[in-house]
Amino acid sequence: MTSALWLARQSIALDRRTLGFTAWPLSKRFGFIIKKYALLGQLLIGKLLWRPFRFGKSNTRWAGERIYYDSHFGLASYQSMLTRPVNLFRVAGVKDFGVVIDCGANVGFFSKMIMQLAPQADVYAIEPVPAIYGCLERNMASSPKVQVFQTAILDHAGRVRMAFDSNDSAISHVTEEGDVEVPAMALDDFATQQGIGDVDLLKIDTETFEAHVLRGARSVLARTRYLLIEITIEGNQNYTISSLMGLLQGDGYDFQLAAFRNYADVGEGLMPIMDCLMVNRAIVE
C-alpha cells in the first residue's frame, strides 16, 4: 500500500509539471495526461487478463506518432523526461540547445523531449542493447534531426556484455554475466567518427558506468557547455562521488554543479541516485 501511495503521489507531481511544460499548448498537456491514465488502465486490465507488457511490442499512438514505451508504466517514463530534466534546465537557466549527445538513450524519451524544446537541435542518441535500440529507432522515426547509434560508450573499444531486463529496460547495464554482447567505444572516438565539434549538452545515464564514459571523453568534455549526468550512490561499486567528480576537471573543462535532483525526492536525508546538471566554467561564464 505504501508503494502504491508513493507512486500515486509521484504521478500527480508529474502531472502538475506537465501542465507547466510550455513547449506544448495547454490542450496537448491535458491530452497527454488523459492518455497516460487511459494507457495505465489498459495495461492494468491487460495484466489481469494475462496480457502483460511486452517490450518492443507494447506501444500507443500519441500526437500523430507511435510510441514504444520502456516498461509497464507506459507513458509515465516519457512524462518523467518531459518534466524532471526540464525543471533542472529552468532552474539553471539552460537553453538554446544546438548539439546534444544522449549517451544511454534507452528507448529515446530524453531525445524526444529535447526535440520538443529545440526542434532544430542535432541529437546523437546512443544505445547499445539491440532490443532497446530497435525501440529507439522506431521512436525516432519521425525525428530526422535525431541520429541513432548502437554501441556502448565506455573508456575503450571492443565488445562487452550487458544485462537486459525486458520489464525495465532503463536498468540494463554492463556486466560480465550479461546475456547480450554489444560493441563498445570511447566517446572521444565516437565524436571524431561523427565529426562532432562543440556540444551544448552531454547527457550520460549508463547505470553506474558514468566514470568509464568520462574517462574516454576528455576531448568531448573540453568542448561541452553543459553535462547532465546520473550519479548512483547506493550500492555503486564502480565509483564514489569523490572519484567521479575528479574526472570533471581537466584541460579545457572544469564543471560546476548548477542544479540537481534527488531520486528520493527529499531535500535532506538519503540520496540513492541523483541527476546532476553541470556547467563547464571553462567555457560558460
C-alpha atoms as a PDB file:
ATOM      1  CA  MET A   1       0.000   0.000   0.000  1.00  0.00           C
ATOM      2  CA  THR A   2       2.829   2.400   0.870  1.00  0.00           C
ATOM      3  CA  SER A   3       4.425   1.798  -2.520  1.00  0.00           C
ATOM      4  CA  ALA A   4       1.113   2.411  -4.305  1.00  0.00           C
ATOM      5  CA  LEU A   5       0.583   5.689  -2.445  1.00  0.00           C
ATOM      6  CA  TRP A   6       4.138   6.800  -3.284  1.00  0.00           C
ATOM      7  CA  LEU A   7       3.571   6.017  -6.966  1.00  0.00           C
ATOM      8  CA  ALA A   8       0.293   7.918  -6.915  1.00  0.00           C
ATOM      9  CA  ARG A   9       1.952  10.985  -5.385  1.00  0.00           C
ATOM     10  CA  GLN A  10       4.758  10.808  -7.938  1.00  0.00           C
ATOM     11  CA  SER A  11       2.271  10.553 -10.790  1.00  0.00           C
ATOM     12  CA  ILE A  12       0.312  13.592  -9.590  1.00  0.00           C
ATOM     13  CA  ALA A  13       3.530  15.581  -9.165  1.00  0.00           C
ATOM     14  CA  LEU A  14       4.488  14.742 -12.756  1.00  0.00           C
ATOM     15  CA  ASP A  15       1.025  15.807 -13.934  1.00  0.00           C
ATOM     16  CA  ARG A  16       1.454  19.201 -12.303  1.00  0.00           C
ATOM     17  CA  ARG A  17       4.787  19.709 -14.006  1.00  0.00           C
ATOM     18  CA  THR A  18       3.390  18.514 -17.314  1.00  0.00           C
ATOM     19  CA  LEU A  19       0.814  21.290 -17.125  1.00  0.00           C
ATOM     20  CA  GLY A  20       3.754  23.704 -16.921  1.00  0.00           C
ATOM     21  CA  PHE A  21       5.512  22.255 -19.981  1.00  0.00           C
ATOM     22  CA  THR A  22       5.093  25.341 -22.135  1.00  0.00           C
ATOM     23  CA  ALA A  23       6.659  23.785 -25.238  1.00  0.00           C
ATOM     24  CA  TRP A  24       3.179  22.305 -25.766  1.00  0.00           C
ATOM     25  CA  PRO A  25      -0.151  24.148 -25.967  1.00  0.00           C
ATOM     26  CA  LEU A  26      -2.355  23.654 -22.911  1.00  0.00           C
ATOM     27  CA  SER A  27      -4.741  21.322 -24.754  1.00  0.00           C
ATOM     28  CA  LYS A  28      -1.863  18.985 -25.616  1.00  0.00           C
ATOM     29  CA  ARG A  29      -0.674  18.936 -21.998  1.00  0.00           C
ATOM     30  CA  PHE A  30      -4.125  17.915 -20.755  1.00  0.00           C
ATOM     31  CA  GLY A  31      -4.428  15.418 -23.598  1.00  0.00           C
ATOM     32  CA  PHE A  32      -1.151  13.761 -22.639  1.00  0.00           C
ATOM     33  CA  ILE A  33      -2.231  13.331 -19.018  1.00  0.00           C
ATOM     34  CA  ILE A  34      -5.551  11.801 -20.067  1.00  0.00           C
ATOM     35  CA  LYS A  35      -3.730   9.475 -22.480  1.00  0.00           C
ATOM     36  CA  LYS A  36      -1.281   8.416 -19.760  1.00  0.00           C
ATOM     37  CA  TYR A  37      -4.014   7.296 -17.369  1.00  0.00           C
ATOM     38  CA  ALA A  38      -6.029   5.643 -20.128  1.00  0.00           C
ATOM     39  CA  LEU A  39      -2.946   3.659 -21.109  1.00  0.00           C
ATOM     40  CA  LEU A  40      -2.164   2.737 -17.497  1.00  0.00           C
ATOM     41  CA  GLY A  41      -5.717   1.430 -17.195  1.00  0.00           C
ATOM     42  CA  GLN A  42      -5.298  -0.647 -20.351  1.00  0.00           C
ATOM     43  CA  LEU A  43      -2.011  -2.061 -19.087  1.00  0.00           C
ATOM     44  CA  LEU A  44      -3.566  -2.961 -15.736  1.00  0.00           C
ATOM     45  CA  ILE A  45      -6.533  -4.685 -17.371  1.00  0.00           C
ATOM     46  CA  GLY A  46      -4.168  -6.481 -19.736  1.00  0.00           C
ATOM     47  CA  LYS A  47      -2.141  -7.744 -16.786  1.00  0.00           C
ATOM     48  CA  LEU A  48      -5.293  -9.054 -15.076  1.00  0.00           C
ATOM     49  CA  LEU A  49      -6.234 -10.808 -18.325  1.00  0.00           C
ATOM     50  CA  TRP A  50      -2.736 -12.307 -18.680  1.00  0.00           C
ATOM     51  CA  ARG A  51      -1.764  -9.892 -21.443  1.00  0.00           C
ATOM     52  CA  PRO A  52       1.275  -8.300 -19.776  1.00  0.00           C
ATOM     53  CA  PHE A  53       3.544  -5.566 -21.043  1.00  0.00           C
ATOM     54  CA  ARG A  54       5.829  -6.862 -23.836  1.00  0.00           C
ATOM     55  CA  PHE A  55       8.958  -4.899 -24.510  1.00  0.00           C
ATOM     56  CA  GLY A  56       9.339  -3.999 -28.172  1.00  0.00           C
ATOM     57  CA  LYS A  57       5.683  -4.761 -28.846  1.00  0.00           C
ATOM     58  CA  SER A  58       3.676  -2.623 -26.417  1.00  0.00           C
ATOM     59  CA  ASN A  59       3.059   0.831 -27.851  1.00  0.00           C
ATOM     60  CA  THR A  60       0.462   3.531 -28.279  1.00  0.00           C
ATOM     61  CA  ARG A  61      -0.362   6.351 -30.666  1.00  0.00           C
ATOM     62  CA  TRP A  62       0.058   9.868 -29.358  1.00  0.00           C
ATOM     63  CA  ALA A  63       0.052  13.205 -31.230  1.00  0.00           C
ATOM     64  CA  GLY A  64       0.211  11.529 -34.613  1.00  0.00           C
ATOM     65  CA  GLU A  65       3.093   9.155 -33.885  1.00  0.00           C
ATOM     66  CA  ARG A  66       3.529   5.689 -32.447  1.00  0.00           C
ATOM     67  CA  ILE A  67       5.461   5.500 -29.181  1.00  0.00           C
ATOM     68  CA  TYR A  68       7.065   2.316 -27.879  1.00  0.00           C
ATOM     69  CA  TYR A  69       7.430   2.533 -24.123  1.00  0.00           C
ATOM     70  CA  ASP A  70      10.100   1.011 -21.901  1.00  0.00           C
ATOM     71  CA  SER A  71       8.105  -0.536 -19.034  1.00  0.00           C
ATOM     72  CA  HIS A  72       4.633  -1.382 -17.751  1.00  0.00           C
ATOM     73  CA  PHE A  73       4.302   2.254 -16.622  1.00  0.00           C
ATOM     74  CA  GLY A  74       3.513   3.203 -20.216  1.00  0.00           C
ATOM     75  CA  LEU A  75       3.913   6.905 -20.994  1.00  0.00           C
ATOM     76  CA  ALA A  76       4.914   7.778 -17.424  1.00  0.00           C
ATOM     77  CA  SER A  77       8.622   7.351 -18.268  1.00  0.00           C
ATOM     78  CA  TYR A  78       8.241   9.771 -21.164  1.00  0.00           C
ATOM     79  CA  GLN A  79       6.412  12.151 -18.841  1.00  0.00           C
ATOM     80  CA  SER A  80       9.302  11.989 -16.389  1.00  0.00           C
ATOM     81  CA  MET A  81      11.696  13.068 -19.145  1.00  0.00           C
ATOM     82  CA  LEU A  82       9.336  15.841 -20.227  1.00  0.00           C
ATOM     83  CA  THR A  83       9.362  17.349 -16.744  1.00  0.00           C
ATOM     84  CA  ARG A  84      12.291  16.481 -14.486  1.00  0.00           C
ATOM     85  CA  PRO A  85      15.278  17.395 -16.722  1.00  0.00           C
ATOM     86  CA  VAL A  86      13.330  20.407 -17.998  1.00  0.00           C
ATOM     87  CA  ASN A  87      12.960  21.624 -14.421  1.00  0.00           C
ATOM     88  CA  LEU A  88      16.741  21.391 -13.958  1.00  0.00           C
ATOM     89  CA  PHE A  89      17.250  23.359 -17.187  1.00  0.00           C
ATOM     90  CA  ARG A  90      14.832  26.006 -15.931  1.00  0.00           C
ATOM     91  CA  VAL A  91      16.482  26.326 -12.515  1.00  0.00           C
ATOM     92  CA  ALA A  92      19.944  26.663 -14.083  1.00  0.00           C
ATOM     93  CA  GLY A  93      18.820  28.913 -16.939  1.00  0.00           C
ATOM     94  CA  VAL A  94      19.992  26.451 -19.609  1.00  0.00           C
ATOM     95  CA  LYS A  95      18.517  26.928 -23.096  1.00  0.00           C
ATOM     96  CA  ASP A  96      19.376  27.156 -26.793  1.00  0.00           C
ATOM     97  CA  PHE A  97      20.445  23.552 -27.462  1.00  0.00           C
ATOM     98  CA  GLY A  98      22.261  23.142 -30.769  1.00  0.00           C
ATOM     99  CA  VAL A  99      24.158  19.842 -30.445  1.00  0.00           C
ATOM    100  CA  VAL A 100      23.110  17.207 -27.905  1.00  0.00           C
ATOM    101  CA  ILE A 101      24.669  13.795 -27.192  1.00  0.00           C
ATOM    102  CA  ASP A 102      22.316  11.361 -25.448  1.00  0.00           C
ATOM    103  CA  CYS A 103      24.572   8.658 -24.037  1.00  0.00           C
ATOM    104  CA  GLY A 104      22.444   5.826 -22.702  1.00  0.00           C
ATOM    105  CA  ALA A 105      19.381   6.808 -24.714  1.00  0.00           C
ATOM    106  CA  ASN A 106      17.224   3.768 -23.830  1.00  0.00           C
ATOM    107  CA  VAL A 107      14.064   3.993 -25.995  1.00  0.00           C
ATOM    108  CA  GLY A 108      14.633   7.689 -26.707  1.00  0.00           C
ATOM    109  CA  PHE A 109      12.377   9.623 -24.351  1.00  0.00           C
ATOM    110  CA  PHE A 110      15.110  12.115 -23.404  1.00  0.00           C
ATOM    111  CA  SER A 111      15.889  12.757 -27.067  1.00  0.00           C
ATOM    112  CA  LYS A 112      12.181  13.196 -27.789  1.00  0.00           C
ATOM    113  CA  MET A 113      11.996  15.763 -25.006  1.00  0.00           C
ATOM    114  CA  ILE A 114      14.932  17.691 -26.495  1.00  0.00           C
ATOM    115  CA  MET A 115      13.121  17.750 -29.843  1.00  0.00           C
ATOM    116  CA  GLN A 116      10.109  19.324 -28.130  1.00  0.00           C
ATOM    117  CA  LEU A 117      12.284  22.035 -26.557  1.00  0.00           C
ATOM    118  CA  ALA A 118      14.621  22.624 -29.502  1.00  0.00           C
ATOM    119  CA  PRO A 119      13.282  21.209 -32.802  1.00  0.00           C
ATOM    120  CA  GLN A 120      16.367  22.409 -34.709  1.00  0.00           C
ATOM    121  CA  ALA A 121      18.885  20.695 -32.412  1.00  0.00           C
ATOM    122  CA  ASP A 122      21.133  17.947 -33.756  1.00  0.00           C
ATOM    123  CA  VAL A 123      20.817  14.982 -31.402  1.00  0.00           C
ATOM    124  CA  TYR A 124      23.066  11.910 -31.302  1.00  0.00           C
ATOM    125  CA  ALA A 125      21.202   9.161 -29.422  1.00  0.00           C
ATOM    126  CA  ILE A 126      23.363   6.205 -28.393  1.00  0.00           C
ATOM    127  CA  GLU A 127      22.013   2.886 -27.086  1.00  0.00           C
ATOM    128  CA  PRO A 128      23.897  -0.449 -27.106  1.00  0.00           C
ATOM    129  CA  VAL A 129      21.306  -3.196 -26.382  1.00  0.00           C
ATOM    130  CA  PRO A 130      19.809  -4.455 -29.681  1.00  0.00           C
ATOM    131  CA  ALA A 131      16.236  -4.884 -28.409  1.00  0.00           C
ATOM    132  CA  ILE A 132      16.225  -1.411 -26.849  1.00  0.00           C
ATOM    133  CA  TYR A 133      17.916   0.080 -29.892  1.00  0.00           C
ATOM    134  CA  GLY A 134      15.090  -1.275 -32.046  1.00  0.00           C
ATOM    135  CA  CYS A 135      12.562   0.698 -29.974  1.00  0.00           C
ATOM    136  CA  LEU A 136      14.824   3.756 -30.108  1.00  0.00           C
ATOM    137  CA  GLU A 137      14.874   3.561 -33.898  1.00  0.00           C
ATOM    138  CA  ARG A 138      11.092   3.302 -34.091  1.00  0.00           C
ATOM    139  CA  ASN A 139      10.545   6.122 -31.599  1.00  0.00           C
ATOM    140  CA  MET A 140      12.883   8.404 -33.532  1.00  0.00           C
ATOM    141  CA  ALA A 141      11.465   7.572 -36.970  1.00  0.00           C
ATOM    142  CA  SER A 142       9.561  10.863 -37.113  1.00  0.00           C
ATOM    143  CA  SER A 143      12.523  12.924 -35.820  1.00  0.00           C
ATOM    144  CA  PRO A 144      15.011  13.371 -38.684  1.00  0.00           C
ATOM    145  CA  LYS A 145      17.232  15.609 -36.535  1.00  0.00           C
ATOM    146  CA  VAL A 146      17.946  12.668 -34.211  1.00  0.00           C
ATOM    147  CA  GLN A 147      20.624  10.225 -35.359  1.00  0.00           C
ATOM    148  CA  VAL A 148      20.685   6.867 -33.555  1.00  0.00           C
ATOM    149  CA  PHE A 149      23.692   4.632 -32.919  1.00  0.00           C
ATOM    150  CA  GLN A 150      24.053   1.149 -31.478  1.00  0.00           C
ATOM    151  CA  THR A 151      27.139   0.974 -29.269  1.00  0.00           C
ATOM    152  CA  ALA A 152      28.138   1.082 -25.612  1.00  0.00           C
ATOM    153  CA  ILE A 153      30.116   4.177 -24.630  1.00  0.00           C
ATOM    154  CA  LEU A 154      32.942   3.350 -22.222  1.00  0.00           C
ATOM    155  CA  ASP A 155      36.658   4.164 -21.966  1.00  0.00           C
ATOM    156  CA  HIS A 156      37.839   1.625 -24.516  1.00  0.00           C
ATOM    157  CA  ALA A 157      36.950  -0.019 -27.812  1.00  0.00           C
ATOM    158  CA  GLY A 158      35.936  -3.662 -28.095  1.00  0.00           C
ATOM    159  CA  ARG A 159      32.955  -5.745 -27.064  1.00  0.00           C
ATOM    160  CA  VAL A 160      31.245  -6.021 -23.680  1.00  0.00           C
ATOM    161  CA  ARG A 161      28.389  -7.991 -22.182  1.00  0.00           C
ATOM    162  CA  MET A 162      25.231  -6.362 -20.855  1.00  0.00           C
ATOM    163  CA  ALA A 163      22.269  -7.497 -18.783  1.00  0.00           C
ATOM    164  CA  PHE A 164      18.885  -6.646 -20.304  1.00  0.00           C
ATOM    165  CA  ASP A 165      15.632  -6.642 -18.329  1.00  0.00           C
ATOM    166  CA  SER A 166      12.661  -6.585 -20.695  1.00  0.00           C
ATOM    167  CA  ASN A 167      10.376  -5.433 -17.871  1.00  0.00           C
ATOM    168  CA  ASP A 168      12.528  -2.382 -17.091  1.00  0.00           C
ATOM    169  CA  SER A 169      14.950  -1.620 -19.906  1.00  0.00           C
ATOM    170  CA  ALA A 170      16.247   1.524 -18.171  1.00  0.00           C
ATOM    171  CA  ILE A 171      18.311  -0.580 -15.741  1.00  0.00           C
ATOM    172  CA  SER A 172      20.192  -2.523 -18.446  1.00  0.00           C
ATOM    173  CA  HIS A 173      23.897  -2.377 -17.609  1.00  0.00           C
ATOM    174  CA  VAL A 174      27.366  -3.660 -18.414  1.00  0.00           C
ATOM    175  CA  THR A 175      28.288  -6.868 -16.568  1.00  0.00           C
ATOM    176  CA  GLU A 176      30.420  -9.922 -17.272  1.00  0.00           C
ATOM    177  CA  GLU A 177      27.348 -12.056 -16.527  1.00  0.00           C
ATOM    178  CA  GLY A 178      25.272 -10.256 -19.137  1.00  0.00           C
ATOM    179  CA  ASP A 179      23.250 -12.177 -21.705  1.00  0.00           C
ATOM    180  CA  VAL A 180      23.812  -9.688 -24.561  1.00  0.00           C
ATOM    181  CA  GLU A 181      27.132  -8.872 -26.249  1.00  0.00           C
ATOM    182  CA  VAL A 182      27.477  -5.382 -27.748  1.00  0.00           C
ATOM    183  CA  PRO A 183      30.196  -3.242 -29.357  1.00  0.00           C
ATOM    184  CA  ALA A 184      31.861  -0.556 -27.242  1.00  0.00           C
ATOM    185  CA  MET A 185      33.917   2.546 -27.906  1.00  0.00           C
ATOM    186  CA  ALA A 186      35.122   5.734 -26.213  1.00  0.00           C
ATOM    187  CA  LEU A 187      33.057   8.895 -26.604  1.00  0.00           C
ATOM    188  CA  ASP A 188      36.074  10.810 -27.974  1.00  0.00           C
ATOM    189  CA  ASP A 189      36.400   8.252 -30.773  1.00  0.00           C
ATOM    190  CA  PHE A 190      32.670   8.364 -31.442  1.00  0.00           C
ATOM    191  CA  ALA A 191      32.727  12.171 -31.716  1.00  0.00           C
ATOM    192  CA  THR A 192      35.696  12.028 -34.094  1.00  0.00           C
ATOM    193  CA  GLN A 193      33.956   9.475 -36.320  1.00  0.00           C
ATOM    194  CA  GLN A 194      30.772  11.578 -36.463  1.00  0.00           C
ATOM    195  CA  GLY A 195      32.574  14.891 -36.901  1.00  0.00           C
ATOM    196  CA  ILE A 196      31.017  16.361 -33.750  1.00  0.00           C
ATOM    197  CA  GLY A 197      32.533  19.677 -32.684  1.00  0.00           C
ATOM    198  CA  ASP A 198      31.122  21.802 -29.876  1.00  0.00           C
ATOM    199  CA  VAL A 199      28.481  20.148 -27.691  1.00  0.00           C
ATOM    200  CA  ASP A 200      25.779  22.156 -25.949  1.00  0.00           C
ATOM    201  CA  LEU A 201      24.538  19.298 -23.778  1.00  0.00           C
ATOM    202  CA  LEU A 202      26.038  15.909 -22.985  1.00  0.00           C
ATOM    203  CA  LYS A 203      23.680  13.573 -21.138  1.00  0.00           C
ATOM    204  CA  ILE A 204      25.176  10.434 -19.536  1.00  0.00           C
ATOM    205  CA  ASP A 205      22.982   7.733 -17.985  1.00  0.00           C
ATOM    206  CA  THR A 206      24.869   4.435 -18.095  1.00  0.00           C
ATOM    207  CA  GLU A 207      23.813   2.664 -14.886  1.00  0.00           C
ATOM    208  CA  THR A 208      26.963   3.085 -12.691  1.00  0.00           C
ATOM    209  CA  PHE A 209      29.357   3.217 -15.668  1.00  0.00           C
ATOM    210  CA  GLU A 210      29.361   7.019 -15.882  1.00  0.00           C
ATOM    211  CA  ALA A 211      33.010   7.188 -14.749  1.00  0.00           C
ATOM    212  CA  HIS A 212      34.016   4.892 -17.621  1.00  0.00           C
ATOM    213  CA  VAL A 213      32.307   7.247 -20.064  1.00  0.00           C
ATOM    214  CA  LEU A 214      34.052  10.301 -18.618  1.00  0.00           C
ATOM    215  CA  ARG A 215      37.488   8.668 -18.779  1.00  0.00           C
ATOM    216  CA  GLY A 216      37.020   8.177 -22.506  1.00  0.00           C
ATOM    217  CA  ALA A 217      35.577  11.649 -23.136  1.00  0.00           C
ATOM    218  CA  ARG A 218      38.298  14.161 -22.243  1.00  0.00           C
ATOM    219  CA  SER A 219      38.291  15.810 -25.662  1.00  0.00           C
ATOM    220  CA  VAL A 220      34.485  15.973 -25.796  1.00  0.00           C
ATOM    221  CA  LEU A 221      34.288  17.374 -22.260  1.00  0.00           C
ATOM    222  CA  ALA A 222      36.580  20.237 -23.270  1.00  0.00           C
ATOM    223  CA  ARG A 223      34.013  21.192 -25.936  1.00  0.00           C
ATOM    224  CA  THR A 224      30.885  20.653 -23.814  1.00  0.00           C
ATOM    225  CA  ARG A 225      28.910  23.534 -22.257  1.00  0.00           C
ATOM    226  CA  TYR A 226      26.556  21.523 -20.036  1.00  0.00           C
ATOM    227  CA  LEU A 227      26.611  17.988 -18.664  1.00  0.00           C
ATOM    228  CA  LEU A 228      23.560  16.141 -17.322  1.00  0.00           C
ATOM    229  CA  ILE A 229      24.758  13.023 -15.543  1.00  0.00           C
ATOM    230  CA  GLU A 230      23.046  10.374 -13.449  1.00  0.00           C
ATOM    231  CA  ILE A 231      25.095   9.518 -10.357  1.00  0.00           C
ATOM    232  CA  THR A 232      24.338   6.330  -8.436  1.00  0.00           C
ATOM    233  CA  ILE A 233      25.431   6.391  -4.799  1.00  0.00           C
ATOM    234  CA  GLU A 234      23.655   3.434  -3.218  1.00  0.00           C
ATOM    235  CA  GLY A 235      25.391   0.108  -3.881  1.00  0.00           C
ATOM    236  CA  ASN A 236      27.710   1.510  -6.561  1.00  0.00           C
ATOM    237  CA  GLN A 237      30.937  -0.495  -6.843  1.00  0.00           C
ATOM    238  CA  ASN A 238      32.290   1.398  -9.863  1.00  0.00           C
ATOM    239  CA  TYR A 239      32.938   4.838  -8.399  1.00  0.00           C
ATOM    240  CA  THR A 240      32.435   7.143  -5.432  1.00  0.00           C
ATOM    241  CA  ILE A 241      31.288  10.760  -5.536  1.00  0.00           C
ATOM    242  CA  SER A 242      34.846  11.994  -4.992  1.00  0.00           C
ATOM    243  CA  SER A 243      36.387   9.778  -7.678  1.00  0.00           C
ATOM    244  CA  LEU A 244      33.688  10.749 -10.191  1.00  0.00           C
ATOM    245  CA  MET A 245      33.959  14.462  -9.509  1.00  0.00           C
ATOM    246  CA  GLY A 246      37.702  14.247 -10.015  1.00  0.00           C
ATOM    247  CA  LEU A 247      37.006  13.337 -13.644  1.00  0.00           C
ATOM    248  CA  LEU A 248      35.085  16.577 -14.228  1.00  0.00           C
ATOM    249  CA  GLN A 249      38.153  18.830 -14.177  1.00  0.00           C
ATOM    250  CA  GLY A 250      40.871  18.701 -16.813  1.00  0.00           C
ATOM    251  CA  ASP A 251      42.483  20.505 -19.716  1.00  0.00           C
ATOM    252  CA  GLY A 252      39.785  22.852 -21.048  1.00  0.00           C
ATOM    253  CA  TYR A 253      36.991  21.804 -18.714  1.00  0.00           C
ATOM    254  CA  ASP A 254      36.019  22.494 -15.127  1.00  0.00           C
ATOM    255  CA  PHE A 255      32.443  21.508 -14.317  1.00  0.00           C
ATOM    256  CA  GLN A 256      30.451  23.123 -11.541  1.00  0.00           C
ATOM    257  CA  LEU A 257      27.134  21.875 -10.161  1.00  0.00           C
ATOM    258  CA  ALA A 258      24.253  24.052 -11.394  1.00  0.00           C
ATOM    259  CA  ALA A 259      21.194  22.018 -10.291  1.00  0.00           C
ATOM    260  CA  PHE A 260      20.370  18.534  -9.056  1.00  0.00           C
ATOM    261  CA  ARG A 261      17.528  16.158  -8.360  1.00  0.00           C
ATOM    262  CA  ASN A 262      17.500  13.609  -5.547  1.00  0.00           C
ATOM    263  CA  TYR A 263      15.679  10.453  -6.684  1.00  0.00           C
ATOM    264  CA  ALA A 264      14.352  10.115  -3.115  1.00  0.00           C
ATOM    265  CA  ASP A 265      12.575  13.461  -3.707  1.00  0.00           C
ATOM    266  CA  VAL A 266      13.632  14.910  -0.350  1.00  0.00           C
ATOM    267  CA  GLY A 267      15.728  17.967   0.349  1.00  0.00           C
ATOM    268  CA  GLU A 268      17.510  16.397   3.294  1.00  0.00           C
ATOM    269  CA  GLY A 269      18.389  12.787   4.041  1.00  0.00           C
ATOM    270  CA  LEU A 270      19.270   9.762   1.926  1.00  0.00           C
ATOM    271  CA  MET A 271      20.204  10.191  -1.740  1.00  0.00           C
ATOM    272  CA  PRO A 272      20.388   6.803  -3.515  1.00  0.00           C
ATOM    273  CA  ILE A 273      20.665   8.309  -7.010  1.00  0.00           C
ATOM    274  CA  MET A 274      20.781  11.851  -8.305  1.00  0.00           C
ATOM    275  CA  ASP A 275      20.726  13.717 -11.586  1.00  0.00           C
ATOM    276  CA  CYS A 276      23.327  16.484 -11.695  1.00  0.00           C
ATOM    277  CA  LEU A 277      23.280  19.314 -14.206  1.00  0.00           C
ATOM    278  CA  MET A 278      26.830  20.647 -14.500  1.00  0.00           C
ATOM    279  CA  VAL A 279      28.146  23.755 -16.253  1.00  0.00           C
ATOM    280  CA  ASN A 280      31.628  23.913 -17.784  1.00  0.00           C
ATOM    281  CA  ARG A 281      33.072  27.065 -16.240  1.00  0.00           C
ATOM    282  CA  ALA A 282      35.997  26.945 -18.646  1.00  0.00           C
ATOM    283  CA  ILE A 283      33.506  27.740 -21.456  1.00  0.00           C
ATOM    284  CA  VAL A 284      30.384  29.264 -19.913  1.00  0.00           C
ATOM    285  CA  GLU A 285      30.924  32.464 -17.927  1.00  0.00           C
END
